[in-house]
Amino acid sequence: MKIKGTLILLMLVFSSQAFADRFRVLGVQEALLSSKAAEDFRASMEREFAAEERALIELERQAVAVRDRIQQNQGLIPDQEMEQLHLQFQKAFTEYQTRGEAMAEKQIEREQEFLASMRPKLDQAIRSLIENEKIDVVFAKQATVYASSTIDITPRVIELLNRQ
């Protein structure tokens, strides 16, 4: 009876070890954001939005300058001139907010387009690894407490994405 129990225990240990060899973890976001395509995308976004960003910085500078002028001249200049400064500040601030929100929306839209275009490539890279390495289960890296680097396929997925 003892031998039979020991044999069963040994079989379970070895079969679970063989089964564990077919589990992997993957950092999907890490793979996407570390790819060459993502680097190129970030560079193109910087170029695309550079002029708008400079314009926003200039609008912010103008609003701050008018605000400072209002604070420094409080009670020293006529009410009509103070009212003009308040209107000037409000106009600069409103334009700053409007343009900033529009730019943020455009950036989010471009990022979503990029991610949508990368999803089929990512799926293909993952599928290729699953088939080639006969992987049974891929866990999200973020959902694991600990995973050995030997079962992390993220670097290989990045490599496959960079080849595409």
C-alpha atoms as a PDB file:
ATOM      1  CA  MET A   1       0.000   0.000   0.000  1.00  0.00           C
ATOM      2  CA  LYS A   2       2.829   2.395   0.854  1.00  0.00           C
ATOM      3  CA  ILE A   3       4.582   1.654  -2.416  1.00  0.00           C
ATOM      4  CA  LYS A   4       1.422   2.230  -4.403  1.00  0.00           C
ATOM      5  CA  GLY A   5       0.876   5.634  -2.719  1.00  0.00           C
ATOM      6  CA  THR A   6       4.492   6.599  -3.312  1.00  0.00           C
ATOM      7  CA  LEU A   7       4.223   5.633  -6.973  1.00  0.00           C
ATOM      8  CA  ILE A   8       1.076   7.690  -7.403  1.00  0.00           C
ATOM      9  CA  LEU A   9       2.729  10.653  -5.695  1.00  0.00           C
ATOM     10  CA  LEU A  10       5.803  10.362  -7.936  1.00  0.00           C
ATOM     11  CA  MET A  11       3.628  10.156 -11.040  1.00  0.00           C
ATOM     12  CA  LEU A  12       1.745  13.282  -9.985  1.00  0.00           C
ATOM     13  CA  VAL A  13       4.978  15.190  -9.308  1.00  0.00           C
ATOM     14  CA  PHE A  14       6.520  14.247 -12.645  1.00  0.00           C
ATOM     15  CA  SER A  15       3.340  14.753 -14.650  1.00  0.00           C
ATOM     16  CA  SER A  16       2.720  18.153 -13.040  1.00  0.00           C
ATOM     17  CA  GLN A  17       6.335  19.090 -13.804  1.00  0.00           C
ATOM     18  CA  ALA A  18       5.857  18.111 -17.446  1.00  0.00           C
ATOM     19  CA  PHE A  19       2.577  19.991 -17.507  1.00  0.00           C
ATOM     20  CA  ALA A  20       4.206  23.072 -15.940  1.00  0.00           C
ATOM     21  CA  ASP A  21       6.667  23.170 -18.834  1.00  0.00           C
ATOM     22  CA  ARG A  22       3.738  24.150 -21.035  1.00  0.00           C
ATOM     23  CA  PHE A  23       2.733  27.251 -19.040  1.00  0.00           C
ATOM     24  CA  ARG A  24       4.071  30.692 -19.928  1.00  0.00           C
ATOM     25  CA  VAL A  25       3.572  34.283 -18.847  1.00  0.00           C
ATOM     26  CA  LEU A  26       3.326  37.281 -21.135  1.00  0.00           C
ATOM     27  CA  GLY A  27       3.327  41.007 -20.480  1.00  0.00           C
ATOM     28  CA  VAL A  28       1.104  42.064 -23.398  1.00  0.00           C
ATOM     29  CA  GLN A  29       1.361  45.803 -22.778  1.00  0.00           C
ATOM     30  CA  GLU A  30       5.097  45.524 -22.143  1.00  0.00           C
ATOM     31  CA  ALA A  31       5.533  43.667 -25.422  1.00  0.00           C
ATOM     32  CA  LEU A  32       3.551  46.228 -27.394  1.00  0.00           C
ATOM     33  CA  LEU A  33       5.194  49.264 -25.818  1.00  0.00           C
ATOM     34  CA  SER A  34       8.719  47.846 -26.069  1.00  0.00           C
ATOM     35  CA  SER A  35       8.505  47.021 -29.753  1.00  0.00           C
ATOM     36  CA  LYS A  36      10.321  48.960 -32.454  1.00  0.00           C
ATOM     37  CA  ALA A  37       6.944  49.936 -33.916  1.00  0.00           C
ATOM     38  CA  ALA A  38       6.004  51.595 -30.606  1.00  0.00           C
ATOM     39  CA  GLU A  39       9.292  53.500 -30.531  1.00  0.00           C
ATOM     40  CA  ASP A  40       8.693  54.702 -34.080  1.00  0.00           C
ATOM     41  CA  PHE A  41       5.119  55.621 -33.184  1.00  0.00           C
ATOM     42  CA  ARG A  42       6.232  57.685 -30.169  1.00  0.00           C
ATOM     43  CA  ALA A  43       8.776  59.529 -32.317  1.00  0.00           C
ATOM     44  CA  SER A  44       6.189  60.276 -35.005  1.00  0.00           C
ATOM     45  CA  MET A  45       3.728  61.499 -32.348  1.00  0.00           C
ATOM     46  CA  GLU A  46       6.362  63.850 -30.952  1.00  0.00           C
ATOM     47  CA  ARG A  47       7.005  65.248 -34.425  1.00  0.00           C
ATOM     48  CA  GLU A  48       3.308  65.459 -35.280  1.00  0.00           C
ATOM     49  CA  PHE A  49       2.332  67.323 -32.131  1.00  0.00           C
ATOM     50  CA  ALA A  50       5.481  69.411 -31.610  1.00  0.00           C
ATOM     51  CA  ALA A  51       4.026  72.591 -33.132  1.00  0.00           C
ATOM     52  CA  GLU A  52       0.780  72.260 -31.178  1.00  0.00           C
ATOM     53  CA  GLU A  53       2.714  71.655 -27.984  1.00  0.00           C
ATOM     54  CA  ARG A  54       4.831  74.767 -28.566  1.00  0.00           C
ATOM     55  CA  ALA A  55       1.652  76.777 -29.207  1.00  0.00           C
ATOM     56  CA  LEU A  56       0.160  75.477 -25.959  1.00  0.00           C
ATOM     57  CA  ILE A  57       3.273  76.430 -24.032  1.00  0.00           C
ATOM     58  CA  GLU A  58       3.095  79.912 -25.545  1.00  0.00           C
ATOM     59  CA  LEU A  59      -0.598  80.255 -24.613  1.00  0.00           C
ATOM     60  CA  GLU A  60       0.193  79.160 -21.075  1.00  0.00           C
ATOM     61  CA  ARG A  61       3.026  81.686 -20.892  1.00  0.00           C
ATOM     62  CA  GLN A  62       0.693  84.446 -22.085  1.00  0.00           C
ATOM     63  CA  ALA A  63      -2.011  83.534 -19.566  1.00  0.00           C
ATOM     64  CA  VAL A  64       0.490  83.437 -16.711  1.00  0.00           C
ATOM     65  CA  ALA A  65       1.945  86.797 -17.762  1.00  0.00           C
ATOM     66  CA  VAL A  66      -1.515  88.420 -17.816  1.00  0.00           C
ATOM     67  CA  ARG A  67      -2.411  86.823 -14.468  1.00  0.00           C
ATOM     68  CA  ASP A  68       0.815  88.124 -12.937  1.00  0.00           C
ATOM     69  CA  ARG A  69       0.132  91.581 -14.345  1.00  0.00           C
ATOM     70  CA  ILE A  70      -3.359  91.512 -12.826  1.00  0.00           C
ATOM     71  CA  GLN A  71      -1.984  90.512  -9.429  1.00  0.00           C
ATOM     72  CA  GLN A  72       0.791  93.121  -9.503  1.00  0.00           C
ATOM     73  CA  ASN A  73      -1.489  95.982 -10.569  1.00  0.00           C
ATOM     74  CA  GLN A  74      -4.468  95.146  -8.363  1.00  0.00           C
ATOM     75  CA  GLY A  75      -5.866  98.498  -7.205  1.00  0.00           C
ATOM     76  CA  LEU A  76      -3.219 100.485  -9.105  1.00  0.00           C
ATOM     77  CA  ILE A  77      -4.835 100.703 -12.530  1.00  0.00           C
ATOM     78  CA  PRO A  78      -8.295 101.886 -13.554  1.00  0.00           C
ATOM     79  CA  ASP A  79     -11.169  99.382 -13.357  1.00  0.00           C
ATOM     80  CA  GLN A  80     -11.691  99.472 -17.114  1.00  0.00           C
ATOM     81  CA  GLU A  81      -8.071  98.458 -17.766  1.00  0.00           C
ATOM     82  CA  MET A  82      -8.328  95.755 -15.079  1.00  0.00           C
ATOM     83  CA  GLU A  83     -11.460  94.432 -16.760  1.00  0.00           C
ATOM     84  CA  GLN A  84      -9.581  94.302 -20.080  1.00  0.00           C
ATOM     85  CA  LEU A  85      -6.798  92.315 -18.415  1.00  0.00           C
ATOM     86  CA  HIS A  86      -9.326  89.880 -16.936  1.00  0.00           C
ATOM     87  CA  LEU A  87     -10.911  89.393 -20.370  1.00  0.00           C
ATOM     88  CA  GLN A  88      -7.476  88.923 -21.924  1.00  0.00           C
ATOM     89  CA  PHE A  89      -6.603  86.335 -19.275  1.00  0.00           C
ATOM     90  CA  GLN A  90      -9.923  84.531 -19.707  1.00  0.00           C
ATOM     91  CA  LYS A  91      -9.485  84.419 -23.481  1.00  0.00           C
ATOM     92  CA  ALA A  92      -5.925  83.032 -23.257  1.00  0.00           C
ATOM     93  CA  PHE A  93      -6.897  80.507 -20.604  1.00  0.00           C
ATOM     94  CA  THR A  94      -9.973  79.327 -22.515  1.00  0.00           C
ATOM     95  CA  GLU A  95      -7.987  78.917 -25.718  1.00  0.00           C
ATOM     96  CA  TYR A  96      -5.268  77.057 -23.795  1.00  0.00           C
ATOM     97  CA  GLN A  97      -7.849  74.644 -22.349  1.00  0.00           C
ATOM     98  CA  THR A  98      -9.656  74.137 -25.664  1.00  0.00           C
ATOM     99  CA  ARG A  99      -6.489  73.479 -27.634  1.00  0.00           C
ATOM    100  CA  GLY A 100      -5.068  71.254 -24.900  1.00  0.00           C
ATOM    101  CA  GLU A 101      -8.184  69.103 -24.810  1.00  0.00           C
ATOM    102  CA  ALA A 102      -8.283  68.876 -28.606  1.00  0.00           C
ATOM    103  CA  MET A 103      -4.634  67.826 -28.715  1.00  0.00           C
ATOM    104  CA  ALA A 104      -5.176  65.222 -25.984  1.00  0.00           C
ATOM    105  CA  GLU A 105      -8.150  63.792 -27.891  1.00  0.00           C
ATOM    106  CA  LYS A 106      -6.102  63.580 -31.099  1.00  0.00           C
ATOM    107  CA  GLN A 107      -3.279  61.845 -29.253  1.00  0.00           C
ATOM    108  CA  ILE A 108      -5.651  59.310 -27.692  1.00  0.00           C
ATOM    109  CA  GLU A 109      -7.207  58.679 -31.101  1.00  0.00           C
ATOM    110  CA  ARG A 110      -3.770  58.089 -32.684  1.00  0.00           C
ATOM    111  CA  GLU A 111      -2.771  55.770 -29.830  1.00  0.00           C
ATOM    112  CA  GLN A 112      -5.954  53.739 -30.252  1.00  0.00           C
ATOM    113  CA  GLU A 113      -5.315  53.489 -34.003  1.00  0.00           C
ATOM    114  CA  PHE A 114      -1.771  52.298 -33.299  1.00  0.00           C
ATOM    115  CA  LEU A 115      -2.930  49.685 -30.802  1.00  0.00           C
ATOM    116  CA  ALA A 116      -5.647  48.485 -33.197  1.00  0.00           C
ATOM    117  CA  SER A 117      -3.079  48.143 -35.981  1.00  0.00           C
ATOM    118  CA  MET A 118      -0.682  46.255 -33.706  1.00  0.00           C
ATOM    119  CA  ARG A 119      -3.243  43.822 -32.285  1.00  0.00           C
ATOM    120  CA  PRO A 120      -3.228  41.433 -35.287  1.00  0.00           C
ATOM    121  CA  LYS A 121       0.588  41.446 -35.304  1.00  0.00           C
ATOM    122  CA  LEU A 122       0.671  40.727 -31.591  1.00  0.00           C
ATOM    123  CA  ASP A 123      -1.873  37.925 -31.955  1.00  0.00           C
ATOM    124  CA  GLN A 124       0.165  36.418 -34.781  1.00  0.00           C
ATOM    125  CA  ALA A 125       3.382  36.534 -32.739  1.00  0.00           C
ATOM    126  CA  ILE A 126       1.678  34.918 -29.741  1.00  0.00           C
ATOM    127  CA  ARG A 127       0.025  32.253 -31.895  1.00  0.00           C
ATOM    128  CA  SER A 128       3.359  31.468 -33.521  1.00  0.00           C
ATOM    129  CA  LEU A 129       5.036  30.929 -30.143  1.00  0.00           C
ATOM    130  CA  ILE A 130       2.139  28.853 -28.849  1.00  0.00           C
ATOM    131  CA  GLU A 131       2.318  26.547 -31.867  1.00  0.00           C
ATOM    132  CA  ASN A 132       6.123  26.328 -32.027  1.00  0.00           C
ATOM    133  CA  GLU A 133       6.614  25.692 -28.324  1.00  0.00           C
ATOM    134  CA  LYS A 134       3.399  23.704 -27.847  1.00  0.00           C
ATOM    135  CA  ILE A 135       2.257  25.994 -25.037  1.00  0.00           C
ATOM    136  CA  ASP A 136      -0.971  25.025 -23.276  1.00  0.00           C
ATOM    137  CA  VAL A 137      -1.630  28.146 -21.199  1.00  0.00           C
ATOM    138  CA  VAL A 138      -0.420  31.764 -21.343  1.00  0.00           C
ATOM    139  CA  PHE A 139      -1.010  33.816 -18.198  1.00  0.00           C
ATOM    140  CA  ALA A 140      -1.002  37.593 -18.055  1.00  0.00           C
ATOM    141  CA  LYS A 141       2.267  38.615 -16.434  1.00  0.00           C
ATOM    142  CA  GLN A 142       0.447  41.298 -14.447  1.00  0.00           C
ATOM    143  CA  ALA A 143      -1.794  38.642 -12.873  1.00  0.00           C
ATOM    144  CA  THR A 144       1.078  36.607 -11.472  1.00  0.00           C
ATOM    145  CA  VAL A 145       2.768  37.121  -8.144  1.00  0.00           C
ATOM    146  CA  TYR A 146       5.967  35.477  -9.311  1.00  0.00           C
ATOM    147  CA  ALA A 147       7.095  33.915 -12.548  1.00  0.00           C
ATOM    148  CA  SER A 148      10.552  32.697 -13.423  1.00  0.00           C
ATOM    149  CA  SER A 149      12.166  34.481 -16.347  1.00  0.00           C
ATOM    150  CA  THR A 150      12.476  31.097 -18.044  1.00  0.00           C
ATOM    151  CA  ILE A 151       8.710  30.984 -18.609  1.00  0.00           C
ATOM    152  CA  ASP A 152       8.331  34.657 -19.602  1.00  0.00           C
ATOM    153  CA  ILE A 153       7.762  34.853 -23.363  1.00  0.00           C
ATOM    154  CA  THR A 154       7.535  38.668 -23.440  1.00  0.00           C
ATOM    155  CA  PRO A 155      11.065  39.175 -24.855  1.00  0.00           C
ATOM    156  CA  ARG A 156      10.404  36.627 -27.595  1.00  0.00           C
ATOM    157  CA  VAL A 157       7.096  38.277 -28.489  1.00  0.00           C
ATOM    158  CA  ILE A 158       8.893  41.647 -28.738  1.00  0.00           C
ATOM    159  CA  GLU A 159      11.477  40.035 -30.998  1.00  0.00           C
ATOM    160  CA  LEU A 160       8.758  38.576 -33.242  1.00  0.00           C
ATOM    161  CA  LEU A 161       6.948  41.937 -33.364  1.00  0.00           C
ATOM    162  CA  ASN A 162      10.177  43.653 -34.388  1.00  0.00           C
ATOM    163  CA  ARG A 163      10.622  41.196 -37.249  1.00  0.00           C
ATOM    164  CA  GLN A 164       7.192  41.954 -38.709  1.00  0.00           C
END
